[in-house]
Amino acid sequence: TLIDLDGPVFSRRAFLRGTVLGAAAAGTGTL
């Protein structure tokens, strides 16, 4: 994360990593 004056701001890399890992976990469970 990047800490800004308004609070934590997620980086693009962290967002994409979480999205891909979440999709992979959901797909494995579904299959």
PDB file of all heavy atoms in Angstrom:
ATOM      1  N   THR A   1       0.824  -1.206   0.000  1.00  0.00           N
ATOM      2  CA  THR A   1       0.000   0.000   0.000  1.00  0.00           C
ATOM      3  C   THR A   1       0.854   1.251   0.000  1.00  0.00           C
ATOM      4  O   THR A   1       2.026   1.226   0.363  1.00  0.00           O
ATOM      5  CB  THR A   1      -0.904   0.050   1.237  1.00  0.00           C
ATOM      6  OG1 THR A   1      -0.084   0.077   2.394  1.00  0.00           O
ATOM      7  CG2 THR A   1      -1.840  -1.128   1.297  1.00  0.00           C
ATOM      8  N   LEU A   2       0.267   2.311  -0.409  1.00  0.00           N
ATOM      9  CA  LEU A   2       0.854   3.644  -0.273  1.00  0.00           C
ATOM     10  C   LEU A   2       0.051   4.365   0.793  1.00  0.00           C
ATOM     11  O   LEU A   2      -1.179   4.336   0.776  1.00  0.00           O
ATOM     12  CB  LEU A   2       0.771   4.413  -1.590  1.00  0.00           C
ATOM     13  CG  LEU A   2       1.603   3.878  -2.745  1.00  0.00           C
ATOM     14  CD1 LEU A   2       1.286   4.655  -4.011  1.00  0.00           C
ATOM     15  CD2 LEU A   2       3.069   4.022  -2.419  1.00  0.00           C
ATOM     16  N   ILE A   3       0.711   4.949   1.733  1.00  0.00           N
ATOM     17  CA  ILE A   3       0.013   5.676   2.790  1.00  0.00           C
ATOM     18  C   ILE A   3      -0.069   7.139   2.379  1.00  0.00           C
ATOM     19  O   ILE A   3       0.930   7.784   2.123  1.00  0.00           O
ATOM     20  CB  ILE A   3       0.750   5.543   4.141  1.00  0.00           C
ATOM     21  CG1 ILE A   3       0.942   4.078   4.503  1.00  0.00           C
ATOM     22  CG2 ILE A   3       0.006   6.290   5.241  1.00  0.00           C
ATOM     23  CD1 ILE A   3      -0.331   3.303   4.688  1.00  0.00           C
ATOM     24  N   ASP A   4      -1.263   7.644   2.307  1.00  0.00           N
ATOM     25  CA  ASP A   4      -1.510   9.029   1.937  1.00  0.00           C
ATOM     26  C   ASP A   4      -2.075   9.745   3.167  1.00  0.00           C
ATOM     27  O   ASP A   4      -2.369   9.123   4.192  1.00  0.00           O
ATOM     28  CB  ASP A   4      -2.507   9.069   0.770  1.00  0.00           C
ATOM     29  CG  ASP A   4      -2.488  10.397   0.048  1.00  0.00           C
ATOM     30  OD1 ASP A   4      -1.671  11.247   0.410  1.00  0.00           O
ATOM     31  OD2 ASP A   4      -3.302  10.546  -0.882  1.00  0.00           O
ATOM     32  N   LEU A   5      -2.262  10.998   3.102  1.00  0.00           N
ATOM     33  CA  LEU A   5      -2.827  11.741   4.221  1.00  0.00           C
ATOM     34  C   LEU A   5      -4.250  11.304   4.520  1.00  0.00           C
ATOM     35  O   LEU A   5      -4.717  11.369   5.654  1.00  0.00           O
ATOM     36  CB  LEU A   5      -2.781  13.246   3.947  1.00  0.00           C
ATOM     37  CG  LEU A   5      -1.387  13.853   3.833  1.00  0.00           C
ATOM     38  CD1 LEU A   5      -1.497  15.314   3.435  1.00  0.00           C
ATOM     39  CD2 LEU A   5      -0.632  13.712   5.135  1.00  0.00           C
ATOM     40  N   ASP A   6      -4.967  10.842   3.482  1.00  0.00           N
ATOM     41  CA  ASP A   6      -6.360  10.427   3.654  1.00  0.00           C
ATOM     42  C   ASP A   6      -6.469   8.989   4.163  1.00  0.00           C
ATOM     43  O   ASP A   6      -7.561   8.529   4.450  1.00  0.00           O
ATOM     44  CB  ASP A   6      -7.114  10.532   2.339  1.00  0.00           C
ATOM     45  CG  ASP A   6      -7.148  11.957   1.825  1.00  0.00           C
ATOM     46  OD1 ASP A   6      -7.098  12.878   2.655  1.00  0.00           O
ATOM     47  OD2 ASP A   6      -7.219  12.126   0.597  1.00  0.00           O
ATOM     48  N   GLY A   7      -5.407   8.237   4.228  1.00  0.00           N
ATOM     49  CA  GLY A   7      -5.433   6.851   4.662  1.00  0.00           C
ATOM     50  C   GLY A   7      -4.741   5.968   3.630  1.00  0.00           C
ATOM     51  O   GLY A   7      -4.115   6.464   2.695  1.00  0.00           O
ATOM     52  N   PRO A   8      -4.852   4.642   3.776  1.00  0.00           N
ATOM     53  CA  PRO A   8      -4.178   3.731   2.846  1.00  0.00           C
ATOM     54  C   PRO A   8      -4.796   3.774   1.460  1.00  0.00           C
ATOM     55  O   PRO A   8      -6.011   3.820   1.319  1.00  0.00           O
ATOM     56  CB  PRO A   8      -4.340   2.361   3.473  1.00  0.00           C
ATOM     57  CG  PRO A   8      -5.454   2.484   4.440  1.00  0.00           C
ATOM     58  CD  PRO A   8      -5.555   3.918   4.826  1.00  0.00           C
ATOM     59  N   VAL A   9      -3.947   3.787   0.439  1.00  0.00           N
ATOM     60  CA  VAL A   9      -4.365   3.747  -0.961  1.00  0.00           C
ATOM     61  C   VAL A   9      -3.706   2.510  -1.564  1.00  0.00           C
ATOM     62  O   VAL A   9      -2.492   2.374  -1.514  1.00  0.00           O
ATOM     63  CB  VAL A   9      -3.919   5.015  -1.716  1.00  0.00           C
ATOM     64  CG1 VAL A   9      -4.312   4.923  -3.167  1.00  0.00           C
ATOM     65  CG2 VAL A   9      -4.501   6.240  -1.052  1.00  0.00           C
ATOM     66  N   PHE A  10      -4.498   1.615  -2.112  1.00  0.00           N
ATOM     67  CA  PHE A  10      -3.942   0.395  -2.694  1.00  0.00           C
ATOM     68  C   PHE A  10      -3.257   0.694  -4.020  1.00  0.00           C
ATOM     69  O   PHE A  10      -3.764   1.475  -4.830  1.00  0.00           O
ATOM     70  CB  PHE A  10      -5.045  -0.654  -2.936  1.00  0.00           C
ATOM     71  CG  PHE A  10      -5.490  -1.319  -1.675  1.00  0.00           C
ATOM     72  CD1 PHE A  10      -6.644  -0.914  -1.038  1.00  0.00           C
ATOM     73  CD2 PHE A  10      -4.750  -2.343  -1.123  1.00  0.00           C
ATOM     74  CE1 PHE A  10      -7.060  -1.517   0.124  1.00  0.00           C
ATOM     75  CE2 PHE A  10      -5.157  -2.957   0.034  1.00  0.00           C
ATOM     76  CZ  PHE A  10      -6.309  -2.540   0.670  1.00  0.00           C
ATOM     77  N   SER A  11      -2.130   0.041  -4.219  1.00  0.00           N
ATOM     78  CA  SER A  11      -1.428   0.208  -5.489  1.00  0.00           C
ATOM     79  C   SER A  11      -2.108  -0.644  -6.564  1.00  0.00           C
ATOM     80  O   SER A  11      -2.834  -1.593  -6.266  1.00  0.00           O
ATOM     81  CB  SER A  11       0.031  -0.212  -5.342  1.00  0.00           C
ATOM     82  OG  SER A  11       0.127  -1.606  -5.150  1.00  0.00           O
ATOM     83  N   ARG A  12      -1.857  -0.312  -7.795  1.00  0.00           N
ATOM     84  CA  ARG A  12      -2.412  -1.066  -8.907  1.00  0.00           C
ATOM     85  C   ARG A  12      -1.912  -2.511  -8.873  1.00  0.00           C
ATOM     86  O   ARG A  12      -2.648  -3.451  -9.117  1.00  0.00           O
ATOM     87  CB  ARG A  12      -1.996  -0.391 -10.212  1.00  0.00           C
ATOM     88  CG  ARG A  12      -2.865  -0.720 -11.344  1.00  0.00           C
ATOM     89  CD  ARG A  12      -2.510   0.064 -12.567  1.00  0.00           C
ATOM     90  NE  ARG A  12      -1.753   1.276 -12.247  1.00  0.00           N
ATOM     91  CZ  ARG A  12      -1.235   2.091 -13.136  1.00  0.00           C
ATOM     92  NH1 ARG A  12      -1.378   1.837 -14.399  1.00  0.00           N
ATOM     93  NH2 ARG A  12      -0.576   3.148 -12.790  1.00  0.00           N
ATOM     94  N   ARG A  13      -0.658  -2.706  -8.548  1.00  0.00           N
ATOM     95  CA  ARG A  13      -0.060  -4.040  -8.498  1.00  0.00           C
ATOM     96  C   ARG A  13      -0.756  -4.893  -7.430  1.00  0.00           C
ATOM     97  O   ARG A  13      -1.086  -6.049  -7.654  1.00  0.00           O
ATOM     98  CB  ARG A  13       1.431  -3.940  -8.197  1.00  0.00           C
ATOM     99  CG  ARG A  13       2.093  -5.302  -8.109  1.00  0.00           C
ATOM    100  CD  ARG A  13       3.565  -5.188  -7.860  1.00  0.00           C
ATOM    101  NE  ARG A  13       4.199  -4.610  -9.037  1.00  0.00           N
ATOM    102  CZ  ARG A  13       5.413  -4.096  -9.063  1.00  0.00           C
ATOM    103  NH1 ARG A  13       6.138  -4.070  -7.968  1.00  0.00           N
ATOM    104  NH2 ARG A  13       5.916  -3.601 -10.161  1.00  0.00           N
ATOM    105  N   ALA A  14      -0.970  -4.320  -6.234  1.00  0.00           N
ATOM    106  CA  ALA A  14      -1.631  -5.058  -5.164  1.00  0.00           C
ATOM    107  C   ALA A  14      -3.064  -5.401  -5.556  1.00  0.00           C
ATOM    108  O   ALA A  14      -3.546  -6.507  -5.289  1.00  0.00           O
ATOM    109  CB  ALA A  14      -1.609  -4.256  -3.870  1.00  0.00           C
ATOM    110  N   PHE A  15      -3.758  -4.487  -6.192  1.00  0.00           N
ATOM    111  CA  PHE A  15      -5.130  -4.731  -6.628  1.00  0.00           C
ATOM    112  C   PHE A  15      -5.187  -5.874  -7.652  1.00  0.00           C
ATOM    113  O   PHE A  15      -5.999  -6.791  -7.540  1.00  0.00           O
ATOM    114  CB  PHE A  15      -5.735  -3.454  -7.227  1.00  0.00           C
ATOM    115  CG  PHE A  15      -7.095  -3.662  -7.819  1.00  0.00           C
ATOM    116  CD1 PHE A  15      -8.203  -3.793  -7.007  1.00  0.00           C
ATOM    117  CD2 PHE A  15      -7.256  -3.751  -9.194  1.00  0.00           C
ATOM    118  CE1 PHE A  15      -9.455  -3.998  -7.551  1.00  0.00           C
ATOM    119  CE2 PHE A  15      -8.503  -3.957  -9.745  1.00  0.00           C
ATOM    120  CZ  PHE A  15      -9.607  -4.083  -8.927  1.00  0.00           C
ATOM    121  N   LEU A  16      -4.303  -5.840  -8.657  1.00  0.00           N
ATOM    122  CA  LEU A  16      -4.295  -6.885  -9.684  1.00  0.00           C
ATOM    123  C   LEU A  16      -3.906  -8.241  -9.098  1.00  0.00           C
ATOM    124  O   LEU A  16      -4.479  -9.272  -9.453  1.00  0.00           O
ATOM    125  CB  LEU A  16      -3.352  -6.505 -10.829  1.00  0.00           C
ATOM    126  CG  LEU A  16      -3.834  -5.347 -11.708  1.00  0.00           C
ATOM    127  CD1 LEU A  16      -2.753  -4.968 -12.704  1.00  0.00           C
ATOM    128  CD2 LEU A  16      -5.106  -5.724 -12.423  1.00  0.00           C
ATOM    129  N   ARG A  17      -2.932  -8.255  -8.213  1.00  0.00           N
ATOM    130  CA  ARG A  17      -2.507  -9.505  -7.599  1.00  0.00           C
ATOM    131  C   ARG A  17      -3.672 -10.125  -6.812  1.00  0.00           C
ATOM    132  O   ARG A  17      -3.945 -11.315  -6.920  1.00  0.00           O
ATOM    133  CB  ARG A  17      -1.317  -9.262  -6.681  1.00  0.00           C
ATOM    134  CG  ARG A  17      -0.765 -10.549  -6.083  1.00  0.00           C
ATOM    135  CD  ARG A  17       0.444 -10.311  -5.207  1.00  0.00           C
ATOM    136  NE  ARG A  17       1.542  -9.824  -6.041  1.00  0.00           N
ATOM    137  CZ  ARG A  17       2.478  -8.980  -5.634  1.00  0.00           C
ATOM    138  NH1 ARG A  17       2.457  -8.506  -4.402  1.00  0.00           N
ATOM    139  NH2 ARG A  17       3.435  -8.592  -6.445  1.00  0.00           N
ATOM    140  N   GLY A  18      -4.377  -9.314  -6.035  1.00  0.00           N
ATOM    141  CA  GLY A  18      -5.517  -9.810  -5.268  1.00  0.00           C
ATOM    142  C   GLY A  18      -6.643 -10.300  -6.164  1.00  0.00           C
ATOM    143  O   GLY A  18      -7.274 -11.317  -5.889  1.00  0.00           O
ATOM    144  N   THR A  19      -6.883  -9.598  -7.256  1.00  0.00           N
ATOM    145  CA  THR A  19      -7.936  -9.987  -8.183  1.00  0.00           C
ATOM    146  C   THR A  19      -7.617 -11.315  -8.852  1.00  0.00           C
ATOM    147  O   THR A  19      -8.468 -12.205  -8.931  1.00  0.00           O
ATOM    148  CB  THR A  19      -8.133  -8.896  -9.255  1.00  0.00           C
ATOM    149  OG1 THR A  19      -8.400  -7.665  -8.606  1.00  0.00           O
ATOM    150  CG2 THR A  19      -9.273  -9.240 -10.182  1.00  0.00           C
ATOM    151  N   VAL A  20      -6.386 -11.471  -9.328  1.00  0.00           N
ATOM    152  CA  VAL A  20      -5.992 -12.710 -10.015  1.00  0.00           C
ATOM    153  C   VAL A  20      -6.002 -13.882  -9.049  1.00  0.00           C
ATOM    154  O   VAL A  20      -6.513 -14.963  -9.365  1.00  0.00           O
ATOM    155  CB  VAL A  20      -4.605 -12.535 -10.679  1.00  0.00           C
ATOM    156  CG1 VAL A  20      -4.061 -13.863 -11.158  1.00  0.00           C
ATOM    157  CG2 VAL A  20      -4.695 -11.552 -11.828  1.00  0.00           C
ATOM    158  N   LEU A  21      -5.458 -13.715  -7.861  1.00  0.00           N
ATOM    159  CA  LEU A  21      -5.456 -14.803  -6.889  1.00  0.00           C
ATOM    160  C   LEU A  21      -6.867 -15.182  -6.459  1.00  0.00           C
ATOM    161  O   LEU A  21      -7.187 -16.360  -6.299  1.00  0.00           O
ATOM    162  CB  LEU A  21      -4.605 -14.427  -5.676  1.00  0.00           C
ATOM    163  CG  LEU A  21      -3.097 -14.347  -5.918  1.00  0.00           C
ATOM    164  CD1 LEU A  21      -2.390 -13.858  -4.668  1.00  0.00           C
ATOM    165  CD2 LEU A  21      -2.550 -15.676  -6.368  1.00  0.00           C
ATOM    166  N   GLY A  22      -7.730 -14.181  -6.290  1.00  0.00           N
ATOM    167  CA  GLY A  22      -9.113 -14.463  -5.922  1.00  0.00           C
ATOM    168  C   GLY A  22      -9.855 -15.209  -7.015  1.00  0.00           C
ATOM    169  O   GLY A  22     -10.608 -16.150  -6.749  1.00  0.00           O
ATOM    170  N   ALA A  23      -9.648 -14.812  -8.260  1.00  0.00           N
ATOM    171  CA  ALA A  23     -10.300 -15.489  -9.379  1.00  0.00           C
ATOM    172  C   ALA A  23      -9.802 -16.929  -9.507  1.00  0.00           C
ATOM    173  O   ALA A  23     -10.582 -17.849  -9.778  1.00  0.00           O
ATOM    174  CB  ALA A  23     -10.060 -14.723 -10.671  1.00  0.00           C
ATOM    175  N   ALA A  24      -8.498 -17.126  -9.304  1.00  0.00           N
ATOM    176  CA  ALA A  24      -7.945 -18.477  -9.392  1.00  0.00           C
ATOM    177  C   ALA A  24      -8.518 -19.363  -8.284  1.00  0.00           C
ATOM    178  O   ALA A  24      -8.871 -20.521  -8.522  1.00  0.00           O
ATOM    179  CB  ALA A  24      -6.429 -18.424  -9.305  1.00  0.00           C
ATOM    180  N   ALA A  25      -8.617 -18.849  -7.089  1.00  0.00           N
ATOM    181  CA  ALA A  25      -9.165 -19.630  -5.976  1.00  0.00           C
ATOM    182  C   ALA A  25     -10.636 -19.957  -6.222  1.00  0.00           C
ATOM    183  O   ALA A  25     -11.080 -21.078  -5.968  1.00  0.00           O
ATOM    184  CB  ALA A  25      -8.992 -18.862  -4.674  1.00  0.00           C
ATOM    185  N   ALA A  26     -11.394 -18.998  -6.710  1.00  0.00           N
ATOM    186  CA  ALA A  26     -12.808 -19.239  -6.994  1.00  0.00           C
ATOM    187  C   ALA A  26     -12.976 -20.252  -8.114  1.00  0.00           C
ATOM    188  O   ALA A  26     -13.837 -21.137  -8.053  1.00  0.00           O
ATOM    189  CB  ALA A  26     -13.496 -17.931  -7.354  1.00  0.00           C
ATOM    190  N   GLY A  27     -12.136 -20.160  -9.149  1.00  0.00           N
ATOM    191  CA  GLY A  27     -12.218 -21.103 -10.266  1.00  0.00           C
ATOM    192  C   GLY A  27     -11.869 -22.511  -9.844  1.00  0.00           C
ATOM    193  O   GLY A  27     -12.504 -23.476 -10.266  1.00  0.00           O
ATOM    194  N   THR A  28     -10.874 -22.656  -8.980  1.00  0.00           N
ATOM    195  CA  THR A  28     -10.496 -23.984  -8.498  1.00  0.00           C
ATOM    196  C   THR A  28     -11.623 -24.609  -7.698  1.00  0.00           C
ATOM    197  O   THR A  28     -11.937 -25.781  -7.873  1.00  0.00           O
ATOM    198  CB  THR A  28      -9.225 -23.883  -7.631  1.00  0.00           C
ATOM    199  OG1 THR A  28      -8.193 -23.285  -8.408  1.00  0.00           O
ATOM    200  CG2 THR A  28      -8.776 -25.240  -7.158  1.00  0.00           C
ATOM    201  N   GLY A  29     -12.246 -23.842  -6.842  1.00  0.00           N
ATOM    202  CA  GLY A  29     -13.365 -24.360  -6.060  1.00  0.00           C
ATOM    203  C   GLY A  29     -14.542 -24.741  -6.933  1.00  0.00           C
ATOM    204  O   GLY A  29     -15.195 -25.759  -6.712  1.00  0.00           O
ATOM    205  N   THR A  30     -14.832 -23.937  -7.937  1.00  0.00           N
ATOM    206  CA  THR A  30     -15.938 -24.215  -8.839  1.00  0.00           C
ATOM    207  C   THR A  30     -15.686 -25.484  -9.640  1.00  0.00           C
ATOM    208  O   THR A  30     -16.572 -26.328  -9.778  1.00  0.00           O
ATOM    209  CB  THR A  30     -16.156 -23.031  -9.804  1.00  0.00           C
ATOM    210  OG1 THR A  30     -16.368 -21.849  -9.035  1.00  0.00           O
ATOM    211  CG2 THR A  30     -17.333 -23.273 -10.715  1.00  0.00           C
ATOM    212  N   LEU A  31     -14.472 -25.638 -10.160  1.00  0.00           N
ATOM    213  CA  LEU A  31     -14.158 -26.835 -10.950  1.00  0.00           C
ATOM    214  C   LEU A  31     -14.207 -28.094 -10.108  1.00  0.00           C
ATOM    215  O   LEU A  31     -14.699 -29.124 -10.551  1.00  0.00           O
ATOM    216  CB  LEU A  31     -12.782 -26.690 -11.598  1.00  0.00           C
ATOM    217  CG  LEU A  31     -12.705 -25.748 -12.784  1.00  0.00           C
ATOM    218  CD1 LEU A  31     -11.274 -25.642 -13.278  1.00  0.00           C
ATOM    219  CD2 LEU A  31     -13.605 -26.227 -13.902  1.00  0.00           C
TER     220      LEU A  31
END
